[in-house]
Amino acid sequence: METCIVEGNISVKAVLLGKKRKVHKILVDAKKKDKDTAFILHKAKEAQVDITYMKREEIDALATGKTHGGIIAYCGQRKYQNLEELVNKKQVFLALVEGVEDPFNFGYVLRTLYAAGCDGVLVPLRNWTTAADVVTRASAGASEYINIIIADDMEDTLTYLHQKRYHASLCAAQRCNLALFLHLSRTHLSCYRRRNAWLK
C-alpha cells in the first residue's frame, strides 16, 4: 500500500478533518504543547489514529523538509469523488484543470478554487502521491478538503456535461503548460485557461 508523509500542523489537520485519505500514524514532538496541536491530537484520538511522541531530532530525521514544526503524519492514497454526485445539484461550480505539472502550482490552484467556493476539481489521471506533502502545504490544506474528480478523457467529460445541459464557453485553447477553469451552472459553463506563471 502506497504511503505518503504530510508535515506541519495545517497539513496534518487537513488530512484528519478532510477525511479524503486514511491517516495511519502521527508522530509529534513530545514537547509540542500548543492549542492547535492539542486539537489535532484530540481529533486523531477520535479517529483512532496511532500517535507516537518523539524527540524533535527524531522527527527531523524522518521528515522530508524542515518546516514540519514537530508533527508529521503517515497517510494512504487520496480518495477521489464521483462527478455524477456533483452534477445532480441545482447549481455547481467545478473547475477542470489540466497541464499543471508543478505540485506547487497545483496546490496554489486548489487553494484559490477552494477559497472561491468551488464544488470540485476535474483533473487528468495522475499519481500525486509522491508530491502529496508539497500539494497540501502549497494549498494550505485545501487539497484535502476540496472534491477532486479524475477525468480519464477530458473531451468525454465535457461531452457528458453538455449532455447534462451544461453549456461551455472556452478561451485560449492552447494546451501547453496551461490550466483550464470551468464555472458551471444549469444554464452556463465557462472555461478559462491561464499560463502556469499567472497562477504563482
N, C-alpha and C. Protein backbone atom coordinates (compact mmCIF):
# COMPACT_ATOMS: atom_id res chain seq x y z
N MET A 1 0.85 -1.20 0.00
CA MET A 1 0.00 0.00 0.00
C MET A 1 0.88 1.24 0.00
N GLU A 2 0.61 2.17 -0.93
CA GLU A 2 1.42 3.36 -1.08
C GLU A 2 1.13 4.33 0.06
N THR A 3 2.19 4.87 0.64
CA THR A 3 2.05 5.78 1.78
C THR A 3 2.75 7.08 1.48
N CYS A 4 2.18 8.17 1.97
CA CYS A 4 2.81 9.47 1.83
C CYS A 4 2.95 10.11 3.21
N ILE A 5 3.81 11.10 3.30
CA ILE A 5 4.01 11.84 4.55
C ILE A 5 3.56 13.27 4.34
N VAL A 6 2.76 13.80 5.26
CA VAL A 6 2.44 15.22 5.27
C VAL A 6 2.99 15.81 6.55
N GLU A 7 3.41 17.07 6.47
CA GLU A 7 4.16 17.67 7.57
C GLU A 7 3.57 19.02 7.97
N GLY A 8 3.59 19.29 9.26
CA GLY A 8 3.14 20.57 9.78
C GLY A 8 1.68 20.53 10.24
N ASN A 9 1.34 21.44 11.15
CA ASN A 9 0.00 21.46 11.73
C ASN A 9 -1.11 21.59 10.70
N ILE A 10 -0.95 22.51 9.75
CA ILE A 10 -2.02 22.76 8.78
C ILE A 10 -2.28 21.52 7.93
N SER A 11 -1.22 20.88 7.46
CA SER A 11 -1.37 19.71 6.59
C SER A 11 -1.91 18.51 7.35
N VAL A 12 -1.39 18.27 8.55
CA VAL A 12 -1.85 17.13 9.34
C VAL A 12 -3.31 17.31 9.74
N LYS A 13 -3.66 18.52 10.12
CA LYS A 13 -5.07 18.80 10.48
C LYS A 13 -5.97 18.62 9.27
N ALA A 14 -5.50 19.00 8.09
CA ALA A 14 -6.31 18.88 6.87
C ALA A 14 -6.59 17.42 6.52
N VAL A 15 -5.59 16.55 6.63
CA VAL A 15 -5.83 15.16 6.28
C VAL A 15 -6.76 14.49 7.29
N LEU A 16 -6.74 14.96 8.53
CA LEU A 16 -7.63 14.42 9.54
C LEU A 16 -9.07 14.88 9.33
N LEU A 17 -9.25 16.18 9.13
CA LEU A 17 -10.59 16.75 9.01
C LEU A 17 -11.20 16.53 7.64
N GLY A 18 -10.35 16.51 6.59
CA GLY A 18 -10.86 16.34 5.23
C GLY A 18 -11.40 14.95 4.98
N LYS A 19 -10.83 13.96 5.65
CA LYS A 19 -11.28 12.56 5.53
C LYS A 19 -11.27 12.06 4.09
N LYS A 20 -10.32 12.57 3.31
CA LYS A 20 -10.18 12.12 1.92
C LYS A 20 -9.12 11.03 1.78
N ARG A 21 -8.40 10.76 2.86
CA ARG A 21 -7.40 9.69 2.86
C ARG A 21 -7.28 9.15 4.29
N LYS A 22 -6.84 7.90 4.39
CA LYS A 22 -6.66 7.28 5.70
C LYS A 22 -5.36 7.76 6.34
N VAL A 23 -5.43 8.16 7.59
CA VAL A 23 -4.23 8.56 8.33
C VAL A 23 -3.80 7.36 9.18
N HIS A 24 -2.62 6.84 8.89
CA HIS A 24 -2.14 5.64 9.57
C HIS A 24 -1.49 5.94 10.92
N LYS A 25 -0.70 7.02 10.96
CA LYS A 25 0.08 7.28 12.17
C LYS A 25 0.50 8.74 12.21
N ILE A 26 0.56 9.30 13.41
CA ILE A 26 1.05 10.66 13.61
C ILE A 26 2.24 10.63 14.55
N LEU A 27 3.30 11.30 14.16
CA LEU A 27 4.48 11.46 15.01
C LEU A 27 4.54 12.91 15.45
N VAL A 28 4.68 13.14 16.75
CA VAL A 28 4.64 14.51 17.26
C VAL A 28 5.74 14.71 18.30
N ASP A 29 6.29 15.89 18.31
CA ASP A 29 7.29 16.28 19.31
C ASP A 29 6.64 16.24 20.70
N ALA A 30 7.24 15.51 21.62
CA ALA A 30 6.68 15.36 22.96
C ALA A 30 6.59 16.70 23.70
N LYS A 31 7.37 17.69 23.27
CA LYS A 31 7.36 18.99 23.94
C LYS A 31 6.42 19.99 23.25
N LYS A 32 5.74 19.55 22.22
CA LYS A 32 4.84 20.44 21.46
C LYS A 32 3.50 20.51 22.19
N LYS A 33 3.18 21.67 22.78
CA LYS A 33 2.02 21.77 23.68
C LYS A 33 1.02 22.86 23.28
N ASP A 34 1.10 23.40 22.08
CA ASP A 34 0.19 24.50 21.69
C ASP A 34 -1.23 23.99 21.49
N LYS A 35 -2.18 24.92 21.48
CA LYS A 35 -3.61 24.56 21.37
C LYS A 35 -3.95 23.87 20.06
N ASP A 36 -3.34 24.32 18.97
CA ASP A 36 -3.64 23.73 17.66
C ASP A 36 -3.21 22.26 17.63
N THR A 37 -2.04 21.99 18.19
CA THR A 37 -1.56 20.61 18.25
C THR A 37 -2.47 19.76 19.14
N ALA A 38 -2.90 20.33 20.25
CA ALA A 38 -3.81 19.61 21.15
C ALA A 38 -5.11 19.25 20.43
N PHE A 39 -5.60 20.17 19.59
CA PHE A 39 -6.82 19.90 18.82
C PHE A 39 -6.58 18.77 17.82
N ILE A 40 -5.44 18.82 17.14
CA ILE A 40 -5.10 17.78 16.15
C ILE A 40 -5.03 16.41 16.83
N LEU A 41 -4.37 16.35 17.95
CA LEU A 41 -4.22 15.07 18.65
C LEU A 41 -5.57 14.57 19.18
N HIS A 42 -6.43 15.51 19.60
CA HIS A 42 -7.77 15.13 20.04
C HIS A 42 -8.55 14.49 18.89
N LYS A 43 -8.48 15.10 17.70
CA LYS A 43 -9.16 14.55 16.53
C LYS A 43 -8.55 13.21 16.11
N ALA A 44 -7.24 13.10 16.26
CA ALA A 44 -6.58 11.85 15.91
C ALA A 44 -7.04 10.72 16.83
N LYS A 45 -7.17 11.01 18.10
CA LYS A 45 -7.64 10.00 19.05
C LYS A 45 -9.08 9.62 18.75
N GLU A 46 -9.91 10.60 18.36
CA GLU A 46 -11.29 10.30 17.98
C GLU A 46 -11.34 9.35 16.79
N ALA A 47 -10.40 9.54 15.86
CA ALA A 47 -10.36 8.71 14.66
C ALA A 47 -9.54 7.43 14.87
N GLN A 48 -9.09 7.23 16.10
CA GLN A 48 -8.31 6.04 16.46
C GLN A 48 -7.02 5.92 15.63
N VAL A 49 -6.38 7.06 15.44
CA VAL A 49 -5.10 7.10 14.74
C VAL A 49 -3.98 6.93 15.76
N ASP A 50 -3.01 6.11 15.43
CA ASP A 50 -1.86 5.90 16.32
C ASP A 50 -1.05 7.19 16.45
N ILE A 51 -0.68 7.53 17.68
CA ILE A 51 0.12 8.72 17.96
C ILE A 51 1.39 8.30 18.66
N THR A 52 2.53 8.74 18.15
CA THR A 52 3.81 8.44 18.76
C THR A 52 4.50 9.74 19.14
N TYR A 53 4.89 9.87 20.41
CA TYR A 53 5.59 11.05 20.89
C TYR A 53 7.09 10.80 20.79
N MET A 54 7.78 11.76 20.18
CA MET A 54 9.20 11.59 19.91
C MET A 54 9.97 12.87 20.22
N LYS A 55 11.29 12.76 20.19
CA LYS A 55 12.14 13.94 20.29
C LYS A 55 12.14 14.66 18.94
N ARG A 56 12.33 15.98 19.00
CA ARG A 56 12.32 16.76 17.75
C ARG A 56 13.39 16.27 16.78
N GLU A 57 14.54 15.87 17.30
CA GLU A 57 15.62 15.41 16.44
C GLU A 57 15.23 14.14 15.67
N GLU A 58 14.44 13.29 16.31
CA GLU A 58 14.00 12.06 15.67
C GLU A 58 13.03 12.36 14.53
N ILE A 59 12.16 13.35 14.75
CA ILE A 59 11.22 13.75 13.70
C ILE A 59 11.97 14.41 12.55
N ASP A 60 12.98 15.21 12.88
CA ASP A 60 13.82 15.84 11.85
C ASP A 60 14.39 14.79 10.91
N ALA A 61 14.81 13.66 11.47
CA ALA A 61 15.45 12.61 10.67
C ALA A 61 14.45 11.91 9.76
N LEU A 62 13.17 11.90 10.12
CA LEU A 62 12.15 11.21 9.33
C LEU A 62 11.44 12.13 8.34
N ALA A 63 11.40 13.42 8.64
CA ALA A 63 10.69 14.38 7.79
C ALA A 63 11.44 14.62 6.48
N THR A 64 10.68 14.99 5.46
CA THR A 64 11.30 15.28 4.16
C THR A 64 11.74 16.74 4.06
N GLY A 65 11.20 17.59 4.92
CA GLY A 65 11.54 19.01 4.90
C GLY A 65 11.88 19.50 6.30
N LYS A 66 12.05 20.82 6.41
CA LYS A 66 12.42 21.42 7.69
C LYS A 66 11.32 22.29 8.27
N THR A 67 10.13 22.24 7.69
CA THR A 67 9.03 23.11 8.14
C THR A 67 7.91 22.31 8.80
N HIS A 68 8.25 21.15 9.33
CA HIS A 68 7.23 20.29 9.93
C HIS A 68 6.72 20.80 11.27
N GLY A 69 7.50 21.62 11.94
CA GLY A 69 7.05 22.18 13.21
C GLY A 69 6.86 21.17 14.32
N GLY A 70 7.41 19.98 14.15
CA GLY A 70 7.33 18.98 15.19
C GLY A 70 6.18 18.00 15.07
N ILE A 71 5.55 17.93 13.90
CA ILE A 71 4.46 16.97 13.72
C ILE A 71 4.38 16.52 12.26
N ILE A 72 4.30 15.20 12.04
CA ILE A 72 4.13 14.64 10.71
C ILE A 72 3.11 13.51 10.78
N ALA A 73 2.53 13.19 9.63
CA ALA A 73 1.54 12.11 9.57
C ALA A 73 1.83 11.21 8.38
N TYR A 74 1.69 9.92 8.58
CA TYR A 74 1.78 8.93 7.51
C TYR A 74 0.36 8.63 7.04
N CYS A 75 0.12 8.80 5.74
CA CYS A 75 -1.23 8.68 5.19
C CYS A 75 -1.26 7.73 3.99
N GLY A 76 -2.46 7.28 3.66
CA GLY A 76 -2.67 6.45 2.49
C GLY A 76 -2.99 7.30 1.27
N GLN A 77 -3.36 6.66 0.18
CA GLN A 77 -3.69 7.37 -1.05
C GLN A 77 -4.99 8.15 -0.88
N ARG A 78 -5.10 9.21 -1.66
CA ARG A 78 -6.28 10.05 -1.59
C ARG A 78 -7.47 9.37 -2.26
N LYS A 79 -8.65 9.56 -1.68
CA LYS A 79 -9.88 9.07 -2.29
C LYS A 79 -10.45 10.16 -3.19
N TYR A 80 -10.87 9.77 -4.40
CA TYR A 80 -11.41 10.74 -5.35
C TYR A 80 -12.93 10.63 -5.40
N GLN A 81 -13.56 11.72 -5.82
CA GLN A 81 -15.01 11.79 -5.78
C GLN A 81 -15.63 11.48 -7.15
N ASN A 82 -16.95 11.32 -7.15
CA ASN A 82 -17.69 10.93 -8.34
C ASN A 82 -18.36 12.15 -8.96
N LEU A 83 -18.15 12.35 -10.26
CA LEU A 83 -18.70 13.52 -10.95
C LEU A 83 -20.23 13.52 -10.91
N GLU A 84 -20.82 12.34 -11.08
CA GLU A 84 -22.28 12.25 -11.14
C GLU A 84 -22.94 12.77 -9.87
N GLU A 85 -22.28 12.59 -8.74
CA GLU A 85 -22.86 13.06 -7.48
C GLU A 85 -22.90 14.58 -7.41
N LEU A 86 -21.97 15.24 -8.08
CA LEU A 86 -21.90 16.70 -8.03
C LEU A 86 -22.83 17.37 -9.04
N VAL A 87 -22.89 16.81 -10.25
CA VAL A 87 -23.66 17.48 -11.30
C VAL A 87 -25.17 17.38 -11.08
N ASN A 88 -25.61 16.57 -10.15
CA ASN A 88 -27.03 16.47 -9.88
C ASN A 88 -27.54 17.58 -8.96
N LYS A 89 -26.62 18.42 -8.49
CA LYS A 89 -27.03 19.57 -7.70
C LYS A 89 -27.67 20.62 -8.61
N LYS A 90 -28.47 21.52 -8.03
CA LYS A 90 -29.14 22.56 -8.82
C LYS A 90 -28.12 23.51 -9.43
N GLN A 91 -27.09 23.85 -8.69
CA GLN A 91 -26.06 24.75 -9.20
C GLN A 91 -24.70 24.26 -8.72
N VAL A 92 -23.76 24.20 -9.64
CA VAL A 92 -22.45 23.62 -9.33
C VAL A 92 -21.34 24.52 -9.85
N PHE A 93 -20.28 24.66 -9.08
CA PHE A 93 -19.09 25.35 -9.53
C PHE A 93 -17.96 24.32 -9.55
N LEU A 94 -17.59 23.90 -10.76
CA LEU A 94 -16.50 22.96 -10.95
C LEU A 94 -15.36 23.64 -11.68
N ALA A 95 -14.17 23.04 -11.58
CA ALA A 95 -13.03 23.52 -12.34
C ALA A 95 -12.35 22.33 -12.98
N LEU A 96 -12.08 22.44 -14.27
CA LEU A 96 -11.32 21.41 -14.97
C LEU A 96 -9.90 21.94 -15.14
N VAL A 97 -8.93 21.27 -14.53
CA VAL A 97 -7.55 21.75 -14.53
C VAL A 97 -6.67 20.74 -15.25
N GLU A 98 -5.98 21.18 -16.28
CA GLU A 98 -5.05 20.30 -16.99
C GLU A 98 -3.81 21.07 -17.39
N GLY A 99 -2.73 20.36 -17.59
CA GLY A 99 -1.48 20.99 -18.00
C GLY A 99 -0.66 21.54 -16.85
N VAL A 100 -1.10 21.33 -15.61
CA VAL A 100 -0.34 21.81 -14.45
C VAL A 100 0.50 20.65 -13.94
N GLU A 101 1.81 20.73 -14.14
CA GLU A 101 2.71 19.65 -13.77
C GLU A 101 3.43 19.91 -12.45
N ASP A 102 3.59 21.17 -12.09
CA ASP A 102 4.33 21.52 -10.88
C ASP A 102 3.42 21.39 -9.66
N PRO A 103 3.79 20.62 -8.64
CA PRO A 103 2.92 20.42 -7.48
C PRO A 103 2.64 21.70 -6.69
N PHE A 104 3.60 22.65 -6.70
CA PHE A 104 3.34 23.92 -6.03
C PHE A 104 2.22 24.67 -6.74
N ASN A 105 2.30 24.74 -8.08
CA ASN A 105 1.25 25.41 -8.84
C ASN A 105 -0.09 24.72 -8.65
N PHE A 106 -0.08 23.39 -8.65
CA PHE A 106 -1.31 22.64 -8.45
C PHE A 106 -1.92 22.98 -7.08
N GLY A 107 -1.07 23.05 -6.08
CA GLY A 107 -1.55 23.43 -4.74
C GLY A 107 -2.12 24.83 -4.71
N TYR A 108 -1.45 25.78 -5.39
CA TYR A 108 -1.96 27.16 -5.43
C TYR A 108 -3.33 27.23 -6.09
N VAL A 109 -3.48 26.45 -7.18
CA VAL A 109 -4.75 26.42 -7.90
C VAL A 109 -5.86 25.91 -6.98
N LEU A 110 -5.59 24.80 -6.30
CA LEU A 110 -6.60 24.21 -5.41
C LEU A 110 -6.96 25.16 -4.28
N ARG A 111 -5.97 25.85 -3.75
CA ARG A 111 -6.22 26.80 -2.66
C ARG A 111 -7.15 27.92 -3.12
N THR A 112 -6.88 28.45 -4.31
CA THR A 112 -7.69 29.54 -4.85
C THR A 112 -9.12 29.07 -5.13
N LEU A 113 -9.25 27.90 -5.74
CA LEU A 113 -10.57 27.38 -6.07
C LEU A 113 -11.39 27.06 -4.83
N TYR A 114 -10.74 26.51 -3.82
CA TYR A 114 -11.44 26.19 -2.58
C TYR A 114 -11.94 27.47 -1.91
N ALA A 115 -11.09 28.50 -1.90
CA ALA A 115 -11.48 29.78 -1.30
C ALA A 115 -12.63 30.43 -2.08
N ALA A 116 -12.71 30.13 -3.38
CA ALA A 116 -13.77 30.71 -4.22
C ALA A 116 -15.07 29.92 -4.12
N GLY A 117 -15.07 28.84 -3.36
CA GLY A 117 -16.30 28.06 -3.18
C GLY A 117 -16.50 26.98 -4.22
N CYS A 118 -15.42 26.54 -4.85
CA CYS A 118 -15.51 25.50 -5.88
C CYS A 118 -16.03 24.19 -5.28
N ASP A 119 -16.99 23.56 -5.98
CA ASP A 119 -17.55 22.30 -5.51
C ASP A 119 -16.67 21.10 -5.83
N GLY A 120 -15.84 21.22 -6.86
CA GLY A 120 -14.99 20.10 -7.22
C GLY A 120 -14.05 20.44 -8.36
N VAL A 121 -12.95 19.72 -8.45
CA VAL A 121 -11.93 19.96 -9.48
C VAL A 121 -11.76 18.68 -10.28
N LEU A 122 -11.88 18.80 -11.61
CA LEU A 122 -11.64 17.68 -12.51
C LEU A 122 -10.20 17.74 -12.99
N VAL A 123 -9.47 16.64 -12.86
CA VAL A 123 -8.07 16.61 -13.27
C VAL A 123 -7.81 15.34 -14.06
N PRO A 124 -6.77 15.33 -14.92
CA PRO A 124 -6.40 14.11 -15.64
C PRO A 124 -5.86 13.08 -14.65
N LEU A 125 -5.86 11.82 -15.08
CA LEU A 125 -5.32 10.75 -14.24
C LEU A 125 -3.82 10.97 -14.04
N ARG A 126 -3.43 11.05 -12.78
CA ARG A 126 -2.02 11.25 -12.43
C ARG A 126 -1.83 10.87 -10.97
N ASN A 127 -0.67 10.32 -10.66
CA ASN A 127 -0.37 9.95 -9.29
C ASN A 127 0.39 11.09 -8.60
N TRP A 128 -0.33 11.82 -7.74
CA TRP A 128 0.27 12.92 -6.99
C TRP A 128 0.77 12.47 -5.62
N THR A 129 0.75 11.15 -5.36
CA THR A 129 1.08 10.65 -4.02
C THR A 129 2.46 11.10 -3.57
N THR A 130 3.44 11.02 -4.46
CA THR A 130 4.81 11.37 -4.07
C THR A 130 4.96 12.86 -3.79
N ALA A 131 4.02 13.67 -4.27
CA ALA A 131 4.08 15.12 -4.04
C ALA A 131 2.96 15.59 -3.12
N ALA A 132 2.36 14.64 -2.40
CA ALA A 132 1.21 14.98 -1.56
C ALA A 132 1.53 16.06 -0.54
N ASP A 133 2.72 15.99 0.08
CA ASP A 133 3.07 16.99 1.09
C ASP A 133 3.22 18.37 0.48
N VAL A 134 3.85 18.44 -0.69
CA VAL A 134 4.04 19.73 -1.37
C VAL A 134 2.68 20.33 -1.74
N VAL A 135 1.81 19.52 -2.33
CA VAL A 135 0.48 20.00 -2.75
C VAL A 135 -0.32 20.46 -1.53
N THR A 136 -0.26 19.69 -0.45
CA THR A 136 -1.03 20.03 0.75
C THR A 136 -0.52 21.33 1.36
N ARG A 137 0.79 21.49 1.45
CA ARG A 137 1.35 22.72 2.02
C ARG A 137 1.08 23.92 1.13
N ALA A 138 1.27 23.75 -0.20
CA ALA A 138 1.05 24.87 -1.12
C ALA A 138 -0.40 25.31 -1.13
N SER A 139 -1.30 24.38 -0.89
CA SER A 139 -2.74 24.71 -0.90
C SER A 139 -3.24 25.11 0.47
N ALA A 140 -2.34 25.16 1.47
CA ALA A 140 -2.72 25.45 2.86
C ALA A 140 -3.80 24.48 3.35
N GLY A 141 -3.68 23.24 2.92
CA GLY A 141 -4.61 22.20 3.34
C GLY A 141 -5.84 22.05 2.48
N ALA A 142 -6.08 22.99 1.56
CA ALA A 142 -7.30 22.96 0.74
C ALA A 142 -7.40 21.71 -0.11
N SER A 143 -6.27 21.15 -0.51
CA SER A 143 -6.28 19.95 -1.36
C SER A 143 -6.93 18.76 -0.66
N GLU A 144 -6.98 18.80 0.67
CA GLU A 144 -7.59 17.70 1.42
C GLU A 144 -9.06 17.93 1.73
N TYR A 145 -9.54 19.14 1.48
CA TYR A 145 -10.95 19.46 1.72
C TYR A 145 -11.78 19.46 0.45
N ILE A 146 -11.18 19.96 -0.63
CA ILE A 146 -11.93 20.13 -1.88
C ILE A 146 -12.15 18.77 -2.56
N ASN A 147 -13.28 18.62 -3.25
CA ASN A 147 -13.55 17.40 -4.01
C ASN A 147 -12.69 17.38 -5.27
N ILE A 148 -12.06 16.24 -5.55
CA ILE A 148 -11.27 16.08 -6.77
C ILE A 148 -11.80 14.88 -7.54
N ILE A 149 -12.05 15.09 -8.83
CA ILE A 149 -12.61 14.05 -9.68
C ILE A 149 -11.60 13.73 -10.78
N ILE A 150 -11.31 12.46 -10.99
CA ILE A 150 -10.39 12.05 -12.06
C ILE A 150 -11.16 11.97 -13.37
N ALA A 151 -10.68 12.71 -14.38
CA ALA A 151 -11.28 12.67 -15.71
C ALA A 151 -10.32 11.92 -16.63
N ASP A 152 -10.66 10.69 -16.96
CA ASP A 152 -9.77 9.89 -17.82
C ASP A 152 -9.66 10.48 -19.22
N ASP A 153 -10.74 11.09 -19.69
CA ASP A 153 -10.75 11.72 -21.02
C ASP A 153 -11.51 13.03 -20.90
N MET A 154 -10.78 14.15 -21.07
CA MET A 154 -11.39 15.46 -20.89
C MET A 154 -12.51 15.73 -21.88
N GLU A 155 -12.31 15.29 -23.14
CA GLU A 155 -13.33 15.53 -24.16
C GLU A 155 -14.61 14.77 -23.82
N ASP A 156 -14.45 13.53 -23.37
CA ASP A 156 -15.63 12.75 -22.97
C ASP A 156 -16.32 13.39 -21.78
N THR A 157 -15.53 13.95 -20.86
CA THR A 157 -16.10 14.60 -19.68
C THR A 157 -16.92 15.82 -20.07
N LEU A 158 -16.38 16.63 -20.99
CA LEU A 158 -17.12 17.82 -21.44
C LEU A 158 -18.37 17.42 -22.21
N THR A 159 -18.27 16.35 -22.98
CA THR A 159 -19.44 15.84 -23.70
C THR A 159 -20.53 15.42 -22.72
N TYR A 160 -20.11 14.73 -21.66
CA TYR A 160 -21.06 14.29 -20.63
C TYR A 160 -21.74 15.50 -19.98
N LEU A 161 -20.94 16.54 -19.68
CA LEU A 161 -21.52 17.74 -19.05
C LEU A 161 -22.48 18.45 -20.00
N HIS A 162 -22.13 18.44 -21.29
CA HIS A 162 -23.03 19.04 -22.29
C HIS A 162 -24.35 18.28 -22.35
N GLN A 163 -24.28 16.97 -22.26
CA GLN A 163 -25.49 16.15 -22.25
C GLN A 163 -26.35 16.41 -21.02
N LYS A 164 -25.69 16.87 -19.97
CA LYS A 164 -26.41 17.20 -18.74
C LYS A 164 -26.95 18.64 -18.78
N ARG A 165 -26.88 19.25 -19.98
CA ARG A 165 -27.37 20.60 -20.22
C ARG A 165 -26.52 21.68 -19.55
N TYR A 166 -25.24 21.39 -19.42
CA TYR A 166 -24.29 22.43 -19.07
C TYR A 166 -23.67 22.92 -20.37
N HIS A 167 -23.57 24.22 -20.51
CA HIS A 167 -23.04 24.80 -21.74
C HIS A 167 -21.70 25.48 -21.44
N ALA A 168 -20.78 25.39 -22.40
CA ALA A 168 -19.42 25.87 -22.16
C ALA A 168 -19.01 26.96 -23.12
N SER A 169 -18.26 27.92 -22.63
CA SER A 169 -17.56 28.88 -23.46
C SER A 169 -16.08 28.78 -23.11
N LEU A 170 -15.22 28.74 -24.12
CA LEU A 170 -13.81 28.44 -23.90
C LEU A 170 -12.93 29.56 -24.42
N CYS A 171 -11.92 29.92 -23.62
CA CYS A 171 -10.95 30.94 -24.03
C CYS A 171 -9.56 30.32 -24.08
N ALA A 172 -8.70 30.79 -24.98
CA ALA A 172 -7.30 30.39 -25.05
C ALA A 172 -7.15 28.88 -25.14
N ALA A 173 -7.35 28.34 -26.30
CA ALA A 173 -7.41 26.89 -26.49
C ALA A 173 -6.05 26.21 -26.59
N GLN A 174 -4.96 26.90 -26.21
CA GLN A 174 -3.65 26.26 -26.20
C GLN A 174 -3.63 25.18 -25.13
N ARG A 175 -2.75 24.18 -25.30
CA ARG A 175 -2.70 23.07 -24.35
C ARG A 175 -1.36 22.97 -23.61
N CYS A 176 -0.41 23.81 -23.92
CA CYS A 176 0.91 23.67 -23.33
C CYS A 176 1.03 24.49 -22.05
N ASN A 177 1.33 23.82 -20.93
CA ASN A 177 1.55 24.48 -19.65
C ASN A 177 0.40 25.40 -19.27
N LEU A 178 -0.82 24.91 -19.42
CA LEU A 178 -1.98 25.73 -19.13
C LEU A 178 -2.93 25.02 -18.19
N ALA A 179 -3.72 25.82 -17.49
CA ALA A 179 -4.76 25.26 -16.63
C ALA A 179 -6.11 25.73 -17.15
N LEU A 180 -7.10 24.87 -17.08
CA LEU A 180 -8.43 25.16 -17.61
C LEU A 180 -9.42 25.23 -16.46
N PHE A 181 -10.11 26.36 -16.33
CA PHE A 181 -11.08 26.54 -15.27
C PHE A 181 -12.49 26.56 -15.84
N LEU A 182 -13.41 25.93 -15.14
CA LEU A 182 -14.80 25.89 -15.59
C LEU A 182 -15.71 26.39 -14.48
N HIS A 183 -16.61 27.26 -14.83
CA HIS A 183 -17.67 27.62 -13.90
C HIS A 183 -18.96 27.07 -14.44
N LEU A 184 -19.64 26.25 -13.65
CA LEU A 184 -20.81 25.55 -14.12
C LEU A 184 -22.07 25.95 -13.37
N SER A 185 -23.14 26.10 -14.11
CA SER A 185 -24.47 26.17 -13.51
C SER A 185 -25.38 25.42 -14.48
N ARG A 186 -26.64 25.34 -14.18
CA ARG A 186 -27.55 24.63 -15.07
C ARG A 186 -27.67 25.31 -16.44
N THR A 187 -27.35 26.59 -16.50
CA THR A 187 -27.54 27.31 -17.76
C THR A 187 -26.23 27.71 -18.43
N HIS A 188 -25.13 27.66 -17.70
CA HIS A 188 -23.90 28.20 -18.28
C HIS A 188 -22.68 27.49 -17.72
N LEU A 189 -21.74 27.24 -18.59
CA LEU A 189 -20.44 26.68 -18.20
C LEU A 189 -19.38 27.50 -18.90
N SER A 190 -18.54 28.17 -18.14
CA SER A 190 -17.48 28.98 -18.75
C SER A 190 -16.13 28.40 -18.40
N CYS A 191 -15.22 28.40 -19.38
CA CYS A 191 -13.92 27.78 -19.21
C CYS A 191 -12.83 28.82 -19.44
N TYR A 192 -11.85 28.82 -18.60
CA TYR A 192 -10.77 29.77 -18.72
C TYR A 192 -9.43 29.04 -18.64
N ARG A 193 -8.48 29.45 -19.48
CA ARG A 193 -7.13 28.89 -19.43
C ARG A 193 -6.15 30.02 -19.14
N ARG A 194 -5.21 29.71 -18.29
CA ARG A 194 -4.17 30.69 -17.96
C ARG A 194 -2.83 29.98 -17.89
N ARG A 195 -1.77 30.72 -18.18
CA ARG A 195 -0.44 30.13 -18.09
C ARG A 195 -0.09 29.87 -16.63
N ASN A 196 0.74 28.83 -16.42
CA ASN A 196 1.13 28.49 -15.06
C ASN A 196 1.77 29.67 -14.33
N ALA A 197 2.54 30.47 -15.06
CA ALA A 197 3.21 31.60 -14.41
C ALA A 197 2.21 32.55 -13.78
N TRP A 198 1.02 32.66 -14.39
CA TRP A 198 -0.01 33.55 -13.85
C TRP A 198 -0.56 33.02 -12.53
N LEU A 199 -0.45 31.69 -12.33
CA LEU A 199 -1.02 31.08 -11.15
C LEU A 199 -0.13 31.21 -9.93
N LYS A 200 1.10 31.55 -10.13
CA LYS A 200 2.04 31.60 -8.99
C LYS A 200 1.72 32.79 -8.09
